[in-house]
Amino acid sequence: MQASAPQVNPEAAIFLLRAGALRVEVCPEFGGRLLRFWSETRQQPQWLHPISHEEARNGQHVRGGCFPLVPYSNRIRHAQLARPEGDLQLSADPLGAPHAMHGPGWRRPWTVIKHGDGSLAMELMHRADRDWPFEFRAEQFVRLRAGQLELELRLHALAAQPMPAGLGWHPYFPDHGDVDLQLRARRDWPVPADVMPVGSVPLPVVQRLVHLRRHAPRDALVRALSEWDGSAVLHWPSQGCALSLKASRLLRHVILFAPTDAPFLCVEPVSHAIDGFNLQARGLRNTGTRTLAPGQTLRASLRMQPLER
């Protein structure tokens, strides 16, 4: 069985948020996704690889913008979730089959609960199903203030039993062959061909400053890191601008992803390792996975601050 397809709504509302020179477009019905983030300045930099209104409203998978990862990130091997009482079979994601991927949050319409000139709050109510067999409520807050974009996620466990949980975001940043990325991390999760790490290794001190230069020709990229300090900087030398990222303490794993010659680079701040729930069940440490008791809440935040000359 495959995961639920996104709903098509040609009339889906798109919200424009403004604060100073910053602008954000959000389509809650398209998986709670940010479509665009840019500055109304002389250089007109696009801070996210943009999605058009038409692409958002047709309900098809589009690589761009930024979407929330809830109630987990990345893949669950063979869509089987290890539990003490026995494995649970989930729906495989059409794009990640035979694995489950990213949770139902990015494929379901979110509902707006509050909207202002520079802010938007939305929620997702999930009833247990084959995509995720635990009931939960998620909230996402999008705010422009103090010259930066602030994102916040809250995951409320509503199931009667403990629920495995994780959070994160999947942003796509523009990459036309000239983006530089710098961040610091202490552990590497080697990614094999099936994109399913089986463990981690400490990075030597000299490799803990990860400096990635993306210049053509560009090979496919997938890296999984942890014990990340939560900060990263993307720099576009040809445009003379940069973007700093600052993730909250929960998000100490980061996934770097770009297909061959893609016009984007993903830097995904997440709370746990790829297939982390199953790896933890096998006794691996440092997976970053969490378990929420009924009524508990998990919170995460991410700030993106443009830096222009």
C-alpha atoms as a PDB file:
ATOM      1  CA  MET A   1       0.000   0.000   0.000  1.00  0.00           C
ATOM      2  CA  GLN A   2       1.246   3.487  -0.861  1.00  0.00           C
ATOM      3  CA  ALA A   3       0.944   6.685   1.144  1.00  0.00           C
ATOM      4  CA  SER A   4      -1.950   9.058   0.533  1.00  0.00           C
ATOM      5  CA  ALA A   5      -1.478  11.341  -2.479  1.00  0.00           C
ATOM      6  CA  PRO A   6      -1.648  15.099  -1.951  1.00  0.00           C
ATOM      7  CA  GLN A   7      -5.046  16.639  -2.624  1.00  0.00           C
ATOM      8  CA  VAL A   8      -5.485  18.792  -5.722  1.00  0.00           C
ATOM      9  CA  ASN A   9      -7.177  22.157  -5.158  1.00  0.00           C
ATOM     10  CA  PRO A  10      -6.880  24.742  -7.957  1.00  0.00           C
ATOM     11  CA  GLU A  11      -8.291  27.333  -5.546  1.00  0.00           C
ATOM     12  CA  ALA A  12      -5.880  26.647  -2.671  1.00  0.00           C
ATOM     13  CA  ALA A  13      -5.150  29.848  -0.778  1.00  0.00           C
ATOM     14  CA  ILE A  14      -1.624  31.260  -0.954  1.00  0.00           C
ATOM     15  CA  PHE A  15      -0.641  33.715   1.776  1.00  0.00           C
ATOM     16  CA  LEU A  16       1.910  36.494   1.320  1.00  0.00           C
ATOM     17  CA  LEU A  17       3.721  37.547   4.495  1.00  0.00           C
ATOM     18  CA  ARG A  18       5.650  40.842   4.660  1.00  0.00           C
ATOM     19  CA  ALA A  19       8.051  42.444   7.124  1.00  0.00           C
ATOM     20  CA  GLY A  20      10.496  45.128   6.009  1.00  0.00           C
ATOM     21  CA  ALA A  21      12.126  43.912   2.805  1.00  0.00           C
ATOM     22  CA  LEU A  22      11.395  40.223   3.486  1.00  0.00           C
ATOM     23  CA  ARG A  23       8.599  38.306   1.768  1.00  0.00           C
ATOM     24  CA  VAL A  24       7.308  34.750   2.185  1.00  0.00           C
ATOM     25  CA  GLU A  25       4.580  32.902   0.293  1.00  0.00           C
ATOM     26  CA  VAL A  26       2.906  29.965   2.053  1.00  0.00           C
ATOM     27  CA  CYS A  27       0.383  27.407   0.803  1.00  0.00           C
ATOM     28  CA  PRO A  28      -0.982  25.584   3.879  1.00  0.00           C
ATOM     29  CA  GLU A  29      -3.056  23.173   1.797  1.00  0.00           C
ATOM     30  CA  PHE A  30       0.098  22.026  -0.023  1.00  0.00           C
ATOM     31  CA  GLY A  31       1.532  20.160   2.959  1.00  0.00           C
ATOM     32  CA  GLY A  32       2.081  23.331   5.015  1.00  0.00           C
ATOM     33  CA  ARG A  33       4.758  24.357   2.516  1.00  0.00           C
ATOM     34  CA  LEU A  34       6.578  27.642   2.035  1.00  0.00           C
ATOM     35  CA  LEU A  35       6.659  28.338  -1.707  1.00  0.00           C
ATOM     36  CA  ARG A  36       9.029  31.292  -1.825  1.00  0.00           C
ATOM     37  CA  PHE A  37      11.233  33.372   0.503  1.00  0.00           C
ATOM     38  CA  TRP A  38      12.910  36.448  -0.934  1.00  0.00           C
ATOM     39  CA  SER A  39      14.038  40.011  -0.277  1.00  0.00           C
ATOM     40  CA  GLU A  40      12.611  43.088  -1.996  1.00  0.00           C
ATOM     41  CA  THR A  41      16.040  44.660  -2.367  1.00  0.00           C
ATOM     42  CA  ARG A  42      18.224  45.681  -5.290  1.00  0.00           C
ATOM     43  CA  GLN A  43      19.559  42.154  -5.750  1.00  0.00           C
ATOM     44  CA  GLN A  44      16.126  40.512  -5.318  1.00  0.00           C
ATOM     45  CA  PRO A  45      17.703  37.307  -3.892  1.00  0.00           C
ATOM     46  CA  GLN A  46      15.556  34.176  -3.703  1.00  0.00           C
ATOM     47  CA  TRP A  47      16.484  32.463  -0.440  1.00  0.00           C
ATOM     48  CA  LEU A  48      14.538  29.281  -1.287  1.00  0.00           C
ATOM     49  CA  HIS A  49      14.349  27.506  -4.638  1.00  0.00           C
ATOM     50  CA  PRO A  50      10.894  28.817  -5.615  1.00  0.00           C
ATOM     51  CA  ILE A  51       7.650  27.024  -6.438  1.00  0.00           C
ATOM     52  CA  SER A  52       5.036  28.676  -8.661  1.00  0.00           C
ATOM     53  CA  HIS A  53       1.390  29.053  -7.632  1.00  0.00           C
ATOM     54  CA  GLU A  54       0.359  26.653 -10.401  1.00  0.00           C
ATOM     55  CA  GLU A  55       2.793  23.982  -9.232  1.00  0.00           C
ATOM     56  CA  ALA A  56       1.539  24.279  -5.666  1.00  0.00           C
ATOM     57  CA  ARG A  57      -2.124  24.070  -6.628  1.00  0.00           C
ATOM     58  CA  ASN A  58      -1.845  21.049  -8.913  1.00  0.00           C
ATOM     59  CA  GLY A  59      -0.997  18.852  -5.924  1.00  0.00           C
ATOM     60  CA  GLN A  60       2.001  17.156  -7.540  1.00  0.00           C
ATOM     61  CA  HIS A  61       5.364  16.616  -5.898  1.00  0.00           C
ATOM     62  CA  VAL A  62       7.579  19.634  -6.518  1.00  0.00           C
ATOM     63  CA  ARG A  63      11.182  19.957  -5.418  1.00  0.00           C
ATOM     64  CA  GLY A  64      11.318  23.436  -3.989  1.00  0.00           C
ATOM     65  CA  GLY A  65      10.295  25.740  -1.168  1.00  0.00           C
ATOM     66  CA  CYS A  66      10.351  24.286   2.349  1.00  0.00           C
ATOM     67  CA  PHE A  67       8.020  21.778   3.979  1.00  0.00           C
ATOM     68  CA  PRO A  68       7.644  20.502   7.556  1.00  0.00           C
ATOM     69  CA  LEU A  69       8.720  16.992   8.526  1.00  0.00           C
ATOM     70  CA  VAL A  70       6.223  15.619  11.032  1.00  0.00           C
ATOM     71  CA  PRO A  71       5.959  13.254  12.909  1.00  0.00           C
ATOM     72  CA  TYR A  72       9.322  11.981  11.617  1.00  0.00           C
ATOM     73  CA  SER A  73      11.945  12.736   8.990  1.00  0.00           C
ATOM     74  CA  ASN A  74      13.343  10.853   6.041  1.00  0.00           C
ATOM     75  CA  ARG A  75      12.888   7.096   5.519  1.00  0.00           C
ATOM     76  CA  ILE A  76      11.631   4.145   7.550  1.00  0.00           C
ATOM     77  CA  ARG A  77      13.090   0.964   6.058  1.00  0.00           C
ATOM     78  CA  HIS A  78      10.577  -1.142   4.123  1.00  0.00           C
ATOM     79  CA  ALA A  79       7.818   0.933   5.754  1.00  0.00           C
ATOM     80  CA  GLN A  80       8.088  -1.273   8.860  1.00  0.00           C
ATOM     81  CA  LEU A  81       8.161   0.453  12.228  1.00  0.00           C
ATOM     82  CA  ALA A  82       9.770  -1.639  14.991  1.00  0.00           C
ATOM     83  CA  ARG A  83       7.708  -1.713  18.182  1.00  0.00           C
ATOM     84  CA  PRO A  84       8.062  -3.771  21.401  1.00  0.00           C
ATOM     85  CA  GLU A  85       4.704  -5.429  20.710  1.00  0.00           C
ATOM     86  CA  GLY A  86       5.637  -6.217  17.078  1.00  0.00           C
ATOM     87  CA  ASP A  87       6.426  -4.386  13.854  1.00  0.00           C
ATOM     88  CA  LEU A  88       3.810  -2.068  12.407  1.00  0.00           C
ATOM     89  CA  GLN A  89       3.381  -1.964   8.626  1.00  0.00           C
ATOM     90  CA  LEU A  90       3.127   1.564   7.229  1.00  0.00           C
ATOM     91  CA  SER A  91       2.250   2.788   3.757  1.00  0.00           C
ATOM     92  CA  ALA A  92       5.218   3.132   1.398  1.00  0.00           C
ATOM     93  CA  ASP A  93       5.760   6.584  -0.038  1.00  0.00           C
ATOM     94  CA  PRO A  94       5.430   6.730  -3.870  1.00  0.00           C
ATOM     95  CA  LEU A  95       8.726   8.624  -4.112  1.00  0.00           C
ATOM     96  CA  GLY A  96      10.578   6.513  -1.562  1.00  0.00           C
ATOM     97  CA  ALA A  97       9.118   3.034  -2.112  1.00  0.00           C
ATOM     98  CA  PRO A  98       9.511   0.474  -0.667  1.00  0.00           C
ATOM     99  CA  HIS A  99      10.152   2.747   2.302  1.00  0.00           C
ATOM    100  CA  ALA A 100       7.927   5.157   4.218  1.00  0.00           C
ATOM    101  CA  MET A 101       9.217   8.719   3.974  1.00  0.00           C
ATOM    102  CA  HIS A 102       8.889  12.062   5.785  1.00  0.00           C
ATOM    103  CA  GLY A 103       5.601  11.299   7.569  1.00  0.00           C
ATOM    104  CA  PRO A 104       2.100  12.358   6.508  1.00  0.00           C
ATOM    105  CA  GLY A 105       2.581  16.061   7.302  1.00  0.00           C
ATOM    106  CA  TRP A 106       3.994  17.033   3.915  1.00  0.00           C
ATOM    107  CA  ARG A 107       1.202  15.257   1.996  1.00  0.00           C
ATOM    108  CA  ARG A 108      -1.813  16.537   3.906  1.00  0.00           C
ATOM    109  CA  PRO A 109      -3.572  19.922   3.805  1.00  0.00           C
ATOM    110  CA  TRP A 110      -3.009  22.108   6.848  1.00  0.00           C
ATOM    111  CA  THR A 111      -5.642  24.480   8.241  1.00  0.00           C
ATOM    112  CA  VAL A 112      -4.927  28.145   8.960  1.00  0.00           C
ATOM    113  CA  ILE A 113      -5.687  29.128  12.555  1.00  0.00           C
ATOM    114  CA  LYS A 114      -4.267  32.674  12.567  1.00  0.00           C
ATOM    115  CA  HIS A 115      -2.930  35.075   9.944  1.00  0.00           C
ATOM    116  CA  GLY A 116      -1.286  38.505  10.177  1.00  0.00           C
ATOM    117  CA  ASP A 117       0.811  40.705   7.886  1.00  0.00           C
ATOM    118  CA  GLY A 118       4.051  38.992   8.891  1.00  0.00           C
ATOM    119  CA  SER A 119       2.904  35.738  10.458  1.00  0.00           C
ATOM    120  CA  LEU A 120       0.842  32.632   9.820  1.00  0.00           C
ATOM    121  CA  ALA A 121      -0.187  29.785  12.134  1.00  0.00           C
ATOM    122  CA  MET A 122      -1.564  26.494  10.841  1.00  0.00           C
ATOM    123  CA  GLU A 123      -2.422  23.069  12.192  1.00  0.00           C
ATOM    124  CA  LEU A 124      -2.782  19.482  11.065  1.00  0.00           C
ATOM    125  CA  MET A 125      -5.072  17.015  12.835  1.00  0.00           C
ATOM    126  CA  HIS A 126      -4.068  13.439  12.086  1.00  0.00           C
ATOM    127  CA  ARG A 127      -6.172  10.368  12.837  1.00  0.00           C
ATOM    128  CA  ALA A 128      -4.409   7.021  12.994  1.00  0.00           C
ATOM    129  CA  ASP A 129      -4.124   5.338   9.582  1.00  0.00           C
ATOM    130  CA  ARG A 130      -1.662   3.297   7.504  1.00  0.00           C
ATOM    131  CA  ASP A 131       0.498   6.349   6.855  1.00  0.00           C
ATOM    132  CA  TRP A 132       1.014   6.783  10.623  1.00  0.00           C
ATOM    133  CA  PRO A 133      -0.853   4.630  13.160  1.00  0.00           C
ATOM    134  CA  PHE A 134      -0.873   7.228  15.964  1.00  0.00           C
ATOM    135  CA  GLU A 135      -3.168  10.180  16.445  1.00  0.00           C
ATOM    136  CA  PHE A 136      -1.483  13.587  16.733  1.00  0.00           C
ATOM    137  CA  ARG A 137      -1.960  17.307  16.277  1.00  0.00           C
ATOM    138  CA  ALA A 138       0.785  19.398  14.685  1.00  0.00           C
ATOM    139  CA  GLU A 139       1.155  23.173  14.591  1.00  0.00           C
ATOM    140  CA  GLN A 140       3.467  25.197  12.378  1.00  0.00           C
ATOM    141  CA  PHE A 141       4.182  28.896  12.896  1.00  0.00           C
ATOM    142  CA  VAL A 142       5.749  31.053  10.177  1.00  0.00           C
ATOM    143  CA  ARG A 143       6.971  34.478  11.311  1.00  0.00           C
ATOM    144  CA  LEU A 144       8.908  37.307   9.701  1.00  0.00           C
ATOM    145  CA  ARG A 145      10.545  39.613  12.221  1.00  0.00           C
ATOM    146  CA  ALA A 146      13.849  41.247  13.107  1.00  0.00           C
ATOM    147  CA  GLY A 147      15.179  40.709   9.598  1.00  0.00           C
ATOM    148  CA  GLN A 148      14.730  36.939   9.621  1.00  0.00           C
ATOM    149  CA  LEU A 149      12.307  34.101   8.987  1.00  0.00           C
ATOM    150  CA  GLU A 150      11.334  32.073  12.048  1.00  0.00           C
ATOM    151  CA  LEU A 151       9.725  28.636  11.758  1.00  0.00           C
ATOM    152  CA  GLU A 152       8.338  26.686  14.691  1.00  0.00           C
ATOM    153  CA  LEU A 153       6.818  23.209  14.909  1.00  0.00           C
ATOM    154  CA  ARG A 154       4.868  21.663  17.765  1.00  0.00           C
ATOM    155  CA  LEU A 155       3.849  18.018  17.792  1.00  0.00           C
ATOM    156  CA  HIS A 156       1.166  17.017  20.310  1.00  0.00           C
ATOM    157  CA  ALA A 157       0.747  13.273  20.979  1.00  0.00           C
ATOM    158  CA  LEU A 158      -2.957  12.382  21.169  1.00  0.00           C
ATOM    159  CA  ALA A 159      -2.700   8.585  20.954  1.00  0.00           C
ATOM    160  CA  ALA A 160      -3.513   6.424  23.951  1.00  0.00           C
ATOM    161  CA  GLN A 161      -0.105   4.710  23.715  1.00  0.00           C
ATOM    162  CA  PRO A 162       3.470   6.065  23.501  1.00  0.00           C
ATOM    163  CA  MET A 163       4.312   7.440  20.059  1.00  0.00           C
ATOM    164  CA  PRO A 164       7.743   7.523  18.374  1.00  0.00           C
ATOM    165  CA  ALA A 165       8.335  11.079  17.231  1.00  0.00           C
ATOM    166  CA  GLY A 166      10.614  13.410  15.345  1.00  0.00           C
ATOM    167  CA  LEU A 167      10.550  16.820  13.676  1.00  0.00           C
ATOM    168  CA  GLY A 168      12.405  18.831  11.084  1.00  0.00           C
ATOM    169  CA  TRP A 169      12.214  20.853   7.895  1.00  0.00           C
ATOM    170  CA  HIS A 170      13.093  20.124   4.283  1.00  0.00           C
ATOM    171  CA  PRO A 171      14.229  23.405   2.671  1.00  0.00           C
ATOM    172  CA  TYR A 172      15.495  23.650  -0.909  1.00  0.00           C
ATOM    173  CA  PHE A 173      18.106  26.378  -1.407  1.00  0.00           C
ATOM    174  CA  PRO A 174      19.026  27.750  -4.856  1.00  0.00           C
ATOM    175  CA  ASP A 175      22.171  26.240  -6.338  1.00  0.00           C
ATOM    176  CA  HIS A 176      23.252  27.200  -9.832  1.00  0.00           C
ATOM    177  CA  GLY A 177      26.775  25.946  -9.369  1.00  0.00           C
ATOM    178  CA  ASP A 178      28.120  28.630  -7.073  1.00  0.00           C
ATOM    179  CA  VAL A 179      26.816  27.959  -3.558  1.00  0.00           C
ATOM    180  CA  ASP A 180      29.172  27.387  -0.613  1.00  0.00           C
ATOM    181  CA  LEU A 181      27.964  25.742   2.598  1.00  0.00           C
ATOM    182  CA  GLN A 182      29.708  25.684   5.964  1.00  0.00           C
ATOM    183  CA  LEU A 183      28.636  23.880   9.126  1.00  0.00           C
ATOM    184  CA  ARG A 184      30.162  21.945  12.030  1.00  0.00           C
ATOM    185  CA  ALA A 185      29.283  18.369  13.012  1.00  0.00           C
ATOM    186  CA  ARG A 186      31.011  15.630  15.005  1.00  0.00           C
ATOM    187  CA  ARG A 187      29.490  12.400  13.611  1.00  0.00           C
ATOM    188  CA  ASP A 188      28.933  10.984  10.145  1.00  0.00           C
ATOM    189  CA  TRP A 189      26.290   8.421   9.143  1.00  0.00           C
ATOM    190  CA  PRO A 190      27.775   6.890   5.952  1.00  0.00           C
ATOM    191  CA  VAL A 191      25.017   6.717   3.335  1.00  0.00           C
ATOM    192  CA  PRO A 192      25.051   3.595   1.106  1.00  0.00           C
ATOM    193  CA  ALA A 193      23.394   3.294  -2.301  1.00  0.00           C
ATOM    194  CA  ASP A 194      19.986   2.545  -0.766  1.00  0.00           C
ATOM    195  CA  VAL A 195      20.192   5.777   1.314  1.00  0.00           C
ATOM    196  CA  MET A 196      19.715   3.782   4.524  1.00  0.00           C
ATOM    197  CA  PRO A 197      22.646   4.219   6.975  1.00  0.00           C
ATOM    198  CA  VAL A 198      23.260   1.383   9.406  1.00  0.00           C
ATOM    199  CA  GLY A 199      25.395   3.265  11.924  1.00  0.00           C
ATOM    200  CA  SER A 200      27.590   6.278  12.591  1.00  0.00           C
ATOM    201  CA  VAL A 201      31.266   7.072  13.055  1.00  0.00           C
ATOM    202  CA  PRO A 202      32.934  10.044  14.754  1.00  0.00           C
ATOM    203  CA  LEU A 203      34.425  12.581  12.390  1.00  0.00           C
ATOM    204  CA  PRO A 204      38.138  13.331  12.846  1.00  0.00           C
ATOM    205  CA  VAL A 205      38.727  16.784  14.272  1.00  0.00           C
ATOM    206  CA  VAL A 206      40.049  18.076  10.939  1.00  0.00           C
ATOM    207  CA  GLN A 207      36.794  17.044   9.193  1.00  0.00           C
ATOM    208  CA  ARG A 208      34.335  18.543  11.676  1.00  0.00           C
ATOM    209  CA  LEU A 209      34.189  21.810   9.751  1.00  0.00           C
ATOM    210  CA  VAL A 210      32.164  20.685   6.748  1.00  0.00           C
ATOM    211  CA  HIS A 211      32.840  23.069   3.862  1.00  0.00           C
ATOM    212  CA  LEU A 212      30.892  22.106   0.772  1.00  0.00           C
ATOM    213  CA  ARG A 213      31.490  23.881  -2.529  1.00  0.00           C
ATOM    214  CA  ARG A 214      29.034  23.027  -5.272  1.00  0.00           C
ATOM    215  CA  HIS A 215      30.538  23.719  -8.683  1.00  0.00           C
ATOM    216  CA  ALA A 216      29.680  22.153 -12.044  1.00  0.00           C
ATOM    217  CA  PRO A 217      29.915  19.373 -12.975  1.00  0.00           C
ATOM    218  CA  ARG A 218      28.035  18.316  -9.872  1.00  0.00           C
ATOM    219  CA  ASP A 219      27.576  14.762  -8.721  1.00  0.00           C
ATOM    220  CA  ALA A 220      24.646  13.608  -6.638  1.00  0.00           C
ATOM    221  CA  LEU A 221      25.021  14.375  -2.949  1.00  0.00           C
ATOM    222  CA  VAL A 222      23.589  12.683   0.130  1.00  0.00           C
ATOM    223  CA  ARG A 223      25.255  13.145   3.516  1.00  0.00           C
ATOM    224  CA  ALA A 224      23.863  12.475   6.969  1.00  0.00           C
ATOM    225  CA  LEU A 225      25.562  14.138   9.934  1.00  0.00           C
ATOM    226  CA  SER A 226      24.846  14.430  13.646  1.00  0.00           C
ATOM    227  CA  GLU A 227      26.147  16.169  16.731  1.00  0.00           C
ATOM    228  CA  TRP A 228      25.684  19.243  14.569  1.00  0.00           C
ATOM    229  CA  ASP A 229      25.978  22.541  16.435  1.00  0.00           C
ATOM    230  CA  GLY A 230      22.750  23.797  14.835  1.00  0.00           C
ATOM    231  CA  SER A 231      24.325  26.564  12.745  1.00  0.00           C
ATOM    232  CA  ALA A 232      25.074  26.751   9.021  1.00  0.00           C
ATOM    233  CA  VAL A 233      25.842  29.441   6.454  1.00  0.00           C
ATOM    234  CA  LEU A 234      25.076  29.301   2.735  1.00  0.00           C
ATOM    235  CA  HIS A 235      27.008  31.779   0.595  1.00  0.00           C
ATOM    236  CA  TRP A 236      26.367  32.729  -3.047  1.00  0.00           C
ATOM    237  CA  PRO A 237      29.558  34.543  -4.137  1.00  0.00           C
ATOM    238  CA  SER A 238      28.201  35.583  -7.545  1.00  0.00           C
ATOM    239  CA  GLN A 239      25.304  37.436  -5.865  1.00  0.00           C
ATOM    240  CA  GLY A 240      27.284  38.749  -2.914  1.00  0.00           C
ATOM    241  CA  CYS A 241      24.790  37.406  -0.407  1.00  0.00           C
ATOM    242  CA  ALA A 242      24.500  34.695   2.233  1.00  0.00           C
ATOM    243  CA  LEU A 243      21.913  33.049   4.468  1.00  0.00           C
ATOM    244  CA  SER A 244      22.525  31.873   8.027  1.00  0.00           C
ATOM    245  CA  LEU A 245      20.583  28.997   9.572  1.00  0.00           C
ATOM    246  CA  LYS A 246      20.087  28.461  13.287  1.00  0.00           C
ATOM    247  CA  ALA A 247      18.223  25.383  14.506  1.00  0.00           C
ATOM    248  CA  SER A 248      16.928  24.702  18.008  1.00  0.00           C
ATOM    249  CA  ARG A 249      18.568  22.161  20.304  1.00  0.00           C
ATOM    250  CA  LEU A 250      16.243  19.313  19.267  1.00  0.00           C
ATOM    251  CA  LEU A 251      17.550  19.447  15.686  1.00  0.00           C
ATOM    252  CA  ARG A 252      21.069  18.082  16.002  1.00  0.00           C
ATOM    253  CA  HIS A 253      21.005  15.912  12.883  1.00  0.00           C
ATOM    254  CA  VAL A 254      21.321  17.430   9.400  1.00  0.00           C
ATOM    255  CA  ILE A 255      20.808  15.847   5.980  1.00  0.00           C
ATOM    256  CA  LEU A 256      22.517  17.286   2.880  1.00  0.00           C
ATOM    257  CA  PHE A 257      20.870  16.318  -0.396  1.00  0.00           C
ATOM    258  CA  ALA A 258      21.101  17.275  -4.073  1.00  0.00           C
ATOM    259  CA  PRO A 259      20.486  15.088  -7.150  1.00  0.00           C
ATOM    260  CA  THR A 260      22.948  15.277 -10.030  1.00  0.00           C
ATOM    261  CA  ASP A 261      22.929  18.736 -11.639  1.00  0.00           C
ATOM    262  CA  ALA A 262      19.895  19.820  -9.596  1.00  0.00           C
ATOM    263  CA  PRO A 263      19.348  23.596  -9.302  1.00  0.00           C
ATOM    264  CA  PHE A 264      19.021  23.267  -5.531  1.00  0.00           C
ATOM    265  CA  LEU A 265      20.807  22.080  -2.409  1.00  0.00           C
ATOM    266  CA  CYS A 266      18.835  20.750   0.556  1.00  0.00           C
ATOM    267  CA  VAL A 267      20.133  21.347   4.073  1.00  0.00           C
ATOM    268  CA  GLU A 268      17.596  19.565   6.280  1.00  0.00           C
ATOM    269  CA  PRO A 269      17.691  20.235  10.044  1.00  0.00           C
ATOM    270  CA  VAL A 270      16.098  17.193  11.688  1.00  0.00           C
ATOM    271  CA  SER A 271      15.842  15.584  15.104  1.00  0.00           C
ATOM    272  CA  HIS A 272      16.929  12.045  14.275  1.00  0.00           C
ATOM    273  CA  ALA A 273      18.830   9.736  11.964  1.00  0.00           C
ATOM    274  CA  ILE A 274      17.472   8.184   8.776  1.00  0.00           C
ATOM    275  CA  ASP A 275      15.485   5.092   9.866  1.00  0.00           C
ATOM    276  CA  GLY A 276      16.262   6.166  13.407  1.00  0.00           C
ATOM    277  CA  PHE A 277      13.361   4.365  15.097  1.00  0.00           C
ATOM    278  CA  ASN A 278      14.437   0.995  13.714  1.00  0.00           C
ATOM    279  CA  LEU A 279      18.120   1.635  14.363  1.00  0.00           C
ATOM    280  CA  GLN A 280      17.338   2.477  17.988  1.00  0.00           C
ATOM    281  CA  ALA A 281      15.269  -0.710  18.302  1.00  0.00           C
ATOM    282  CA  ARG A 282      18.383  -2.629  17.206  1.00  0.00           C
ATOM    283  CA  GLY A 283      20.355  -1.042  20.024  1.00  0.00           C
ATOM    284  CA  LEU A 284      22.159   1.753  18.178  1.00  0.00           C
ATOM    285  CA  ARG A 285      22.914   4.923  20.124  1.00  0.00           C
ATOM    286  CA  ASN A 286      22.923   8.564  19.054  1.00  0.00           C
ATOM    287  CA  THR A 287      19.892   8.176  16.785  1.00  0.00           C
ATOM    288  CA  GLY A 288      18.149  11.255  18.199  1.00  0.00           C
ATOM    289  CA  THR A 289      14.760   9.535  18.291  1.00  0.00           C
ATOM    290  CA  ARG A 290      12.112  10.483  20.856  1.00  0.00           C
ATOM    291  CA  THR A 291       9.050   8.786  22.319  1.00  0.00           C
ATOM    292  CA  LEU A 292       6.087  10.917  23.414  1.00  0.00           C
ATOM    293  CA  ALA A 293       3.772   9.771  26.169  1.00  0.00           C
ATOM    294  CA  PRO A 294       0.067  10.532  25.672  1.00  0.00           C
ATOM    295  CA  GLY A 295      -0.424  14.299  26.027  1.00  0.00           C
ATOM    296  CA  GLN A 296       3.254  15.211  25.604  1.00  0.00           C
ATOM    297  CA  THR A 297       4.490  17.846  23.132  1.00  0.00           C
ATOM    298  CA  LEU A 298       7.696  18.024  21.066  1.00  0.00           C
ATOM    299  CA  ARG A 299       8.930  21.433  19.845  1.00  0.00           C
ATOM    300  CA  ALA A 300      11.495  22.585  17.288  1.00  0.00           C
ATOM    301  CA  SER A 301      12.404  25.867  15.628  1.00  0.00           C
ATOM    302  CA  LEU A 302      14.533  27.124  12.756  1.00  0.00           C
ATOM    303  CA  ARG A 303      15.679  30.653  11.909  1.00  0.00           C
ATOM    304  CA  MET A 304      16.857  31.814   8.475  1.00  0.00           C
ATOM    305  CA  GLN A 305      18.575  35.210   8.382  1.00  0.00           C
ATOM    306  CA  PRO A 306      19.572  36.827   5.053  1.00  0.00           C
ATOM    307  CA  LEU A 307      22.988  38.495   4.969  1.00  0.00           C
ATOM    308  CA  GLU A 308      23.396  40.954   2.086  1.00  0.00           C
ATOM    309  CA  ARG A 309      26.157  43.370   1.209  1.00  0.00           C
END
